């Protein structure tokens, strides 16, 4: 028999409340959410730096 995955309703996982976050648009298909008091430009730069360091196979 195949073991069942844990049900999310029973776990302690809690989705973030998007109404309490600020959307930062990176490009036409990428949006990240940050705290309301965080800097949008800094978040965009960190995201782009983090994704550009990935190795392309």
Protein backbone atom coordinates (compact mmCIF):
# COMPACT_ATOMS: atom_id res chain seq x y z
CA UNK A 1 0.00 0.00 0.00
CA UNK A 2 1.03 3.58 -0.62
CA UNK A 3 1.22 5.73 2.54
CA UNK A 4 -1.03 8.79 2.51
CA UNK A 5 0.41 12.27 2.71
CA UNK A 6 -0.39 14.33 5.78
CA UNK A 7 -3.59 16.32 5.44
CA UNK A 8 -2.96 20.10 5.46
CA UNK A 9 -6.10 20.68 7.53
CA UNK A 10 -4.55 18.70 10.38
CA UNK A 11 -1.08 20.25 10.10
CA UNK A 12 0.12 23.50 11.62
CA UNK A 13 0.58 25.18 8.22
CA UNK A 14 -0.86 28.69 8.08
CA UNK A 15 -1.15 30.66 4.85
CA UNK A 16 0.02 34.26 4.97
CA UNK A 17 -2.64 36.97 4.82
CA UNK A 18 -1.96 38.72 1.52
CA UNK A 19 -4.00 41.75 2.57
CA UNK A 20 -1.24 42.51 5.10
CA UNK A 21 1.53 42.29 2.46
CA UNK A 22 2.65 44.57 -0.39
CA UNK A 23 2.94 43.16 -3.91
CA UNK A 24 6.19 43.83 -5.80
CA UNK A 25 6.03 43.09 -9.52
CA UNK A 26 9.33 41.69 -10.82
CA UNK A 27 8.30 41.05 -14.43
CA UNK A 28 5.12 40.22 -16.36
CA UNK A 29 4.77 36.80 -14.70
CA UNK A 30 6.53 37.18 -11.34
CA UNK A 31 5.11 38.90 -8.26
CA UNK A 32 6.55 38.67 -4.76
CA UNK A 33 4.91 39.79 -1.53
CA UNK A 34 6.78 41.68 1.18
CA UNK A 35 5.93 43.39 4.47
CA UNK A 36 4.15 46.73 4.17
CA UNK A 37 7.06 48.65 5.71
CA UNK A 38 9.78 46.96 3.58
CA UNK A 39 11.55 48.66 0.67
CA UNK A 40 10.24 47.54 -2.75
CA UNK A 41 13.44 48.30 -4.66
CA UNK A 42 15.61 46.42 -2.16
CA UNK A 43 13.29 43.39 -2.31
CA UNK A 44 13.37 43.43 -6.12
CA UNK A 45 17.18 43.62 -6.16
CA UNK A 46 17.53 40.79 -3.62
CA UNK A 47 15.12 38.59 -5.61
CA UNK A 48 16.93 39.22 -8.90
CA UNK A 49 20.33 38.61 -7.30
CA UNK A 50 19.14 35.38 -5.70
CA UNK A 51 17.62 34.04 -8.93
CA UNK A 52 20.57 35.09 -11.11
CA UNK A 53 22.97 33.05 -8.93
CA UNK A 54 21.21 29.79 -9.76
CA UNK A 55 23.07 27.44 -12.04
CA UNK A 56 21.42 26.79 -15.37
CA UNK A 57 21.75 23.18 -16.44
